[in-house]
Protein backbone atom coordinates (compact mmCIF):
# COMPACT_ATOMS: atom_id res chain seq x y z
CA UNK A 1 52.97 4.92 298.24
CA UNK A 2 56.61 4.64 299.26
CA UNK A 3 58.62 1.53 298.47
CA UNK A 4 58.38 0.39 302.09
CA UNK A 5 54.62 0.98 302.32
CA UNK A 6 54.09 -0.91 299.09
CA UNK A 7 56.22 -3.84 300.25
CA UNK A 8 54.60 -4.01 303.69
CA UNK A 9 51.06 -3.81 302.36
CA UNK A 10 51.77 -6.47 299.74
CA UNK A 11 53.14 -8.83 302.38
CA UNK A 12 50.03 -8.13 304.49
CA UNK A 13 47.68 -8.96 301.58
CA UNK A 14 46.44 -5.35 301.43
CA UNK A 15 45.61 -3.25 298.33
CA UNK A 16 48.49 -1.38 296.69
CA UNK A 17 48.87 1.04 293.79
CA UNK A 18 51.25 -1.44 292.17
CA UNK A 19 53.24 -4.45 293.27
CA UNK A 20 56.88 -3.95 294.30
CA UNK A 21 59.33 -4.12 291.40
CA UNK A 22 62.19 -6.07 292.90
CA UNK A 23 65.10 -8.29 291.94
CA UNK A 24 65.64 -10.06 295.24
CA UNK A 25 68.90 -11.73 294.15
CA UNK A 26 71.96 -10.23 292.56
CA UNK A 27 73.01 -11.16 289.06
CA UNK A 28 75.49 -13.77 287.85
CA UNK A 29 78.95 -12.33 287.34
CA UNK A 30 78.75 -13.48 283.72
CA UNK A 31 75.48 -11.58 283.31
CA UNK A 32 76.95 -8.37 284.69
CA UNK A 33 80.08 -8.83 282.56
CA UNK A 34 77.88 -9.10 279.48
CA UNK A 35 75.86 -6.04 280.42
CA UNK A 36 79.03 -4.00 280.95
CA UNK A 37 79.81 -4.71 277.29
CA UNK A 38 76.28 -3.64 276.32
CA UNK A 39 76.10 -0.27 278.02
CA UNK A 40 75.90 -0.83 281.78
CA UNK A 41 78.35 1.69 283.29
CA UNK A 42 81.59 -0.05 284.19
CA UNK A 43 81.65 1.43 287.71
CA UNK A 44 78.36 -0.32 288.57
CA UNK A 45 79.26 -3.67 290.11
CA UNK A 46 77.25 -3.69 293.36
CA UNK A 47 73.83 -5.32 293.01
CA UNK A 48 72.11 -2.54 294.93
CA UNK A 49 73.61 0.13 292.67
CA UNK A 50 72.65 -1.84 289.56
CA UNK A 51 69.07 -2.18 290.79
CA UNK A 52 68.85 1.56 291.35
CA UNK A 53 70.36 2.33 287.92
CA UNK A 54 67.83 0.05 286.21
CA UNK A 55 64.90 1.64 288.04
CA UNK A 56 63.93 -1.18 290.37
CA UNK A 57 62.61 -0.37 293.84
CA UNK A 58 65.53 0.49 296.09
CA UNK A 59 66.57 -2.16 298.57
CA UNK A 60 69.70 -3.42 300.27
CA UNK A 61 70.54 -6.85 301.64
CA UNK A 62 73.13 -7.94 304.18
CA UNK A 63 74.01 -11.60 304.66
CA UNK A 64 75.22 -11.78 308.26
CA UNK A 65 77.68 -14.63 308.15
CA UNK A 66 78.60 -16.77 311.18
CA UNK A 67 82.00 -17.31 309.57
CA UNK A 68 84.65 -14.68 310.25
CA UNK A 69 86.90 -13.43 307.47
CA UNK A 70 89.66 -15.58 308.94
CA UNK A 71 87.66 -18.79 308.57
CA UNK A 72 89.30 -21.09 306.03
CA UNK A 73 87.29 -22.15 303.03
CA UNK A 74 86.75 -25.69 301.80
CA UNK A 75 89.45 -27.19 299.57
CA UNK A 76 86.82 -27.59 296.84
CA UNK A 77 83.14 -27.02 296.21
CA UNK A 78 81.04 -29.05 298.63
CA UNK A 79 84.05 -30.39 300.52
CA UNK A 80 84.40 -30.24 304.32
CA UNK A 81 86.08 -27.60 306.43
CA UNK A 82 85.67 -29.79 309.54
CA UNK A 83 85.07 -33.54 309.84
CA UNK A 84 84.36 -34.08 313.54
CA UNK A 85 83.78 -32.34 316.88
CA UNK A 86 87.50 -31.92 317.57
CA UNK A 87 88.02 -30.07 314.30
CA UNK A 88 84.87 -28.02 314.88
CA UNK A 89 86.14 -26.86 318.28
CA UNK A 90 89.53 -26.05 316.75
CA UNK A 91 87.94 -23.76 314.16
CA UNK A 92 85.47 -22.02 316.49
CA UNK A 93 87.78 -19.01 317.07
CA UNK A 94 87.09 -18.24 313.39
CA UNK A 95 83.31 -18.55 313.74
CA UNK A 96 80.53 -16.40 315.25
CA UNK A 97 82.27 -13.00 314.86
CA UNK A 98 81.39 -10.08 317.09
CA UNK A 99 80.75 -7.58 315.63
CA UNK A 100 79.26 -9.40 312.66
CA UNK A 101 78.45 -6.30 310.59
CA UNK A 102 79.42 -2.66 310.17
CA UNK A 103 76.90 -0.58 312.17
CA UNK A 104 77.88 2.64 310.37
CA UNK A 105 76.81 1.22 307.01
CA UNK A 106 73.57 -0.09 308.48
CA UNK A 107 72.86 3.29 310.06
CA UNK A 108 73.08 4.85 306.59
CA UNK A 109 70.60 2.26 305.32
CA UNK A 110 68.31 2.98 308.26
CA UNK A 111 68.24 6.67 307.39
CA UNK A 112 67.09 5.91 303.84
CA UNK A 113 64.69 3.28 305.14
CA UNK A 114 63.10 5.87 307.44
CA UNK A 115 62.15 8.01 304.44
CA UNK A 116 60.29 5.07 302.93
CA UNK A 117 62.66 4.94 299.96
CA UNK A 118 64.72 1.86 300.87
CA UNK A 119 63.64 -1.65 301.80
CA UNK A 120 66.18 -3.41 304.04
CA UNK A 121 66.52 -7.14 304.44
CA UNK A 122 69.01 -9.45 306.06
CA UNK A 123 69.91 -13.07 305.42
CA UNK A 124 70.93 -15.56 308.08
CA UNK A 125 72.32 -19.06 307.58
CA UNK A 126 69.58 -21.64 308.03
CA UNK A 127 69.87 -24.65 310.29
CA UNK A 128 70.18 -27.03 307.33
CA UNK A 129 72.52 -24.83 305.31
CA UNK A 130 75.06 -23.89 307.95
CA UNK A 131 76.23 -27.34 309.12
CA UNK A 132 76.59 -28.27 305.45
CA UNK A 133 78.97 -25.34 304.86
CA UNK A 134 81.22 -26.75 307.58
CA UNK A 135 80.86 -30.49 307.03
CA UNK A 136 80.58 -30.59 303.24
CA UNK A 137 77.61 -31.64 301.14
CA UNK A 138 77.80 -35.44 301.33
CA UNK A 139 79.32 -35.71 304.85
CA UNK A 140 76.59 -33.39 306.15
CA UNK A 141 73.86 -35.78 305.02
CA UNK A 142 75.65 -38.70 306.67
CA UNK A 143 76.13 -36.64 309.85
CA UNK A 144 72.38 -36.69 310.59
CA UNK A 145 72.94 -40.37 311.40
CA UNK A 146 76.66 -40.66 312.17
CA UNK A 147 77.29 -37.47 314.21
CA UNK A 148 73.91 -36.28 315.50
CA UNK A 149 75.37 -34.70 318.64
CA UNK A 150 77.79 -32.61 316.59
CA UNK A 151 74.98 -31.48 314.30
CA UNK A 152 72.96 -30.31 317.29
CA UNK A 153 75.94 -28.58 318.89
CA UNK A 154 76.65 -26.65 315.70
CA UNK A 155 73.04 -25.48 315.46
CA UNK A 156 72.90 -24.56 319.15
CA UNK A 157 75.93 -22.32 318.58
CA UNK A 158 74.33 -20.90 315.44
CA UNK A 159 71.12 -20.15 317.33
CA UNK A 160 73.04 -18.22 320.00
CA UNK A 161 74.83 -16.25 317.26
CA UNK A 162 71.58 -15.41 315.48
CA UNK A 163 69.83 -14.27 318.66
CA UNK A 164 72.74 -11.95 319.41
CA UNK A 165 73.09 -10.42 315.96
CA UNK A 166 69.34 -9.91 315.53
CA UNK A 167 69.24 -7.80 318.68
CA UNK A 168 72.39 -5.91 317.65
CA UNK A 169 71.12 -5.25 314.13
CA UNK A 170 67.70 -4.13 315.28
CA UNK A 171 69.27 -1.57 317.60
CA UNK A 172 70.43 0.18 314.43
CA UNK A 173 67.81 -0.84 311.85
CA UNK A 174 64.79 -3.15 311.97
CA UNK A 175 64.73 -5.04 308.66
CA UNK A 176 61.55 -5.07 306.60
CA UNK A 177 62.06 -8.77 305.99
CA UNK A 178 64.68 -11.45 306.29
CA UNK A 179 65.56 -14.73 304.63
CA UNK A 180 67.09 -17.91 305.93
CA UNK A 181 69.56 -19.36 303.45
CA UNK A 182 68.63 -23.05 303.43
CA UNK A 183 68.73 -24.64 299.95
CA UNK A 184 67.23 -27.76 301.49
CA UNK A 185 65.32 -28.85 298.39
CA UNK A 186 66.33 -30.08 294.96
CA UNK A 187 64.20 -30.69 291.87
CA UNK A 188 62.41 -33.68 293.41
CA UNK A 189 61.72 -32.27 296.86
CA UNK A 190 63.46 -31.92 300.25
CA UNK A 191 66.83 -33.53 300.92
CA UNK A 192 65.77 -34.76 304.36
CA UNK A 193 62.68 -36.35 305.85
CA UNK A 194 60.07 -34.72 308.05
CA UNK A 195 61.40 -36.74 310.99
CA UNK A 196 64.92 -35.34 310.51
CA UNK A 197 63.50 -31.83 310.18
CA UNK A 198 61.64 -32.26 313.46
CA UNK A 199 64.72 -33.48 315.32
CA UNK A 200 67.50 -31.37 313.85
CA UNK A 201 65.90 -28.12 312.64
CA UNK A 202 62.58 -27.56 314.38
CA UNK A 203 63.90 -26.80 317.91
CA UNK A 204 66.15 -24.01 316.67
CA UNK A 205 63.56 -22.39 314.42
CA UNK A 206 61.01 -22.53 317.22
CA UNK A 207 63.47 -20.68 319.46
CA UNK A 208 64.42 -18.07 316.85
CA UNK A 209 61.40 -17.27 314.66
CA UNK A 210 59.28 -15.77 317.49
CA UNK A 211 62.06 -13.25 318.20
CA UNK A 212 61.96 -12.13 314.56
CA UNK A 213 58.18 -11.93 314.47
CA UNK A 214 58.10 -9.91 317.70
CA UNK A 215 60.20 -7.28 315.95
CA UNK A 216 57.77 -7.12 313.02
CA UNK A 217 60.15 -8.74 310.53
CA UNK A 218 58.64 -10.82 307.70
CA UNK A 219 60.35 -14.24 307.88
CA UNK A 220 61.08 -16.03 304.60
CA UNK A 221 63.05 -19.17 303.74
CA UNK A 222 65.29 -19.18 300.66
CA UNK A 223 65.50 -22.70 299.33
CA UNK A 224 66.00 -23.72 295.73
CA UNK A 225 64.28 -26.67 294.09
CA UNK A 226 60.80 -28.02 294.78
CA UNK A 227 59.63 -26.65 298.13
CA UNK A 228 56.08 -28.00 297.87
CA UNK A 229 56.44 -30.70 300.53
CA UNK A 230 58.60 -28.67 302.92
CA UNK A 231 56.34 -25.60 303.04
CA UNK A 232 54.10 -27.07 305.72
CA UNK A 233 57.11 -28.10 307.83
CA UNK A 234 58.42 -24.55 307.92
CA UNK A 235 54.99 -23.00 308.36
CA UNK A 236 54.59 -25.12 311.50
CA UNK A 237 57.57 -23.34 313.10
CA UNK A 238 56.31 -19.87 312.20
CA UNK A 239 58.00 -19.26 308.84
CA UNK A 240 55.81 -16.93 306.79
CA UNK A 241 57.07 -17.32 303.24
CA UNK A 242 59.38 -18.71 300.60
CA UNK A 243 61.52 -17.73 297.63
CA UNK A 244 62.61 -18.25 294.81
CA UNK A 245 59.92 -20.82 293.79
CA UNK A 246 61.76 -22.26 290.81
CA UNK A 247 59.56 -23.12 287.87
CA UNK A 248 62.10 -25.55 286.39
CA UNK A 249 61.82 -27.58 289.60
CA UNK A 250 58.06 -27.88 289.06
CA UNK A 251 56.94 -25.33 291.65
CA UNK A 252 53.38 -24.16 290.90
CA UNK A 253 52.68 -20.89 292.70
CA UNK A 254 48.98 -21.06 291.92
CA UNK A 255 48.73 -24.44 293.63
CA UNK A 256 50.85 -23.21 296.53
CA UNK A 257 48.46 -20.31 297.00
CA UNK A 258 45.47 -22.68 296.94
CA UNK A 259 47.10 -24.97 299.51
CA UNK A 260 48.60 -22.21 301.68
CA UNK A 261 46.39 -19.09 301.50
CA UNK A 262 48.53 -17.02 303.89
CA UNK A 263 51.94 -17.90 302.45
CA UNK A 264 54.15 -14.99 301.46
CA UNK A 265 56.00 -15.63 298.21
CA UNK A 266 58.70 -13.91 296.16
CA UNK A 267 59.98 -15.10 292.78
CA UNK A 268 58.36 -17.73 290.52
CA UNK A 269 58.98 -15.99 287.16
CA UNK A 270 60.73 -18.57 284.97
CA UNK A 271 64.17 -17.12 284.25
CA UNK A 272 64.63 -19.40 281.24
CA UNK A 273 62.10 -17.44 279.15
CA UNK A 274 63.52 -13.95 279.67
CA UNK A 275 65.45 -13.98 276.39
CA UNK A 276 62.66 -15.51 274.28
CA UNK A 277 60.79 -12.33 273.36
CA UNK A 278 57.78 -10.31 274.45
CA UNK A 279 55.11 -12.92 273.70
CA UNK A 280 56.80 -15.58 275.84
CA UNK A 281 57.43 -13.13 278.68
CA UNK A 282 53.77 -12.10 278.65
CA UNK A 283 52.71 -15.73 278.68
CA UNK A 284 54.76 -16.27 281.83
CA UNK A 285 53.28 -13.21 283.53
CA UNK A 286 49.78 -14.42 282.69
CA UNK A 287 50.63 -17.74 284.36
CA UNK A 288 51.43 -16.04 287.68
CA UNK A 289 48.82 -13.26 287.38
CA UNK A 290 46.22 -14.94 289.67
CA UNK A 291 48.71 -14.98 292.55
CA UNK A 292 49.72 -11.37 291.85
CA UNK A 293 46.08 -10.30 292.17
CA UNK A 294 45.57 -12.28 295.41
CA UNK A 295 48.35 -10.51 297.32
CA UNK A 296 51.11 -11.72 299.60
CA UNK A 297 53.26 -12.23 296.51
CA UNK A 298 55.97 -10.25 294.71
CA UNK A 299 56.75 -11.40 291.16
CA UNK A 300 60.47 -11.70 290.54
CA UNK A 301 62.94 -13.89 288.69
CA UNK A 302 63.00 -17.38 290.18
CA UNK A 303 66.72 -17.02 290.87
CA UNK A 304 69.51 -15.03 289.28
CA UNK A 305 69.06 -13.69 285.76
CA UNK A 306 71.22 -15.90 283.50
CA UNK A 307 73.85 -14.54 281.08
CA UNK A 308 71.73 -15.54 278.06
CA UNK A 309 69.71 -12.38 278.79
CA UNK A 310 71.05 -9.25 277.14
CA UNK A 311 70.75 -5.84 278.76
CA UNK A 312 68.10 -4.83 276.21
CA UNK A 313 66.15 -8.04 276.88
CA UNK A 314 66.33 -7.40 280.60
CA UNK A 315 65.03 -3.87 280.10
CA UNK A 316 62.12 -5.34 278.11
CA UNK A 317 61.43 -7.74 280.98
CA UNK A 318 61.42 -4.82 283.43
CA UNK A 319 59.05 -2.81 281.23
CA UNK A 320 56.61 -5.72 281.15
CA UNK A 321 57.12 -6.40 284.86
CA UNK A 322 56.06 -2.85 285.65
CA UNK A 323 53.03 -3.17 283.37
CA UNK A 324 51.84 -6.35 285.06
CA UNK A 325 52.66 -5.07 288.57
CA UNK A 326 50.28 -2.20 287.87
CA UNK A 327 47.64 -4.24 286.05
CA UNK A 328 47.38 -7.04 288.60
CA UNK A 329 48.02 -5.13 291.80
CA UNK A 330 45.85 -6.43 294.69
CA UNK A 331 42.81 -4.23 294.96
CA UNK A 332 43.08 -2.99 291.38
CA UNK A 333 40.15 -2.69 289.01
CA UNK A 334 41.11 -5.25 286.35
């Protein structure tokens, strides 16, 4: 099978010769810096090039940002860029760029995708994430109550941007899957209530997700923390899957599979055990093996590989990942 066939069949719960071997996220800068000192060629800095060098299935990701290069950043982490509607309108010339990506680069990806070698995915800002990037972490949570009209205006503009760029991107290359950057959960569950989701996020997802599904794109939400409660909210607007399914936040992929039989999932391998030796790595793979066998799931690190993991330890993880992706492939004999 080609990489694309294997990915598509896995996401469709069909038998495969082995599961995809993917690292959906890039690596921490500190991790890459360490690996450069341990034998990773110095010229390899791009995540896609590093994946290919290490023998993972080839894929490329583009995060299509609604913020132009001229958009100012926050004065500090989690601090606001805008505080009210007047400031939002003042900054709009620096938002929603057109064009939002380089079509020549994407055409090159499309050519490799057409051979079956490369999996292509895009990321779009989610309707929880994006207002937070403008308003700041704490002011954003207050804005659900103090500035609801501004919140809705921002997401209406974001929806229009997404609808435009999806059509433009798909004219060049139809992604195999996409993710919404949301990070709406923390280690005790979602940061907002179901009622706030229904009022402030649902209308925009219901307008956007069908367009993605019509184009045959697998639609996944990227949210850290414990997603258990929020899964059903997103499923109700057509979202098909989730990543990274962080073990340290208490996410149990086996229980998620029992509760949501059709949920697509990527991630779930506890990154904190990768440097603890073969026995501990195997124990973690055995934990997620039932979901691997069921299908609709790609085992991968449950976020970025931390710098505690040496290059040799990461190679050992990859060797065992390949073994388990073959042993527990859906439709296999074991």
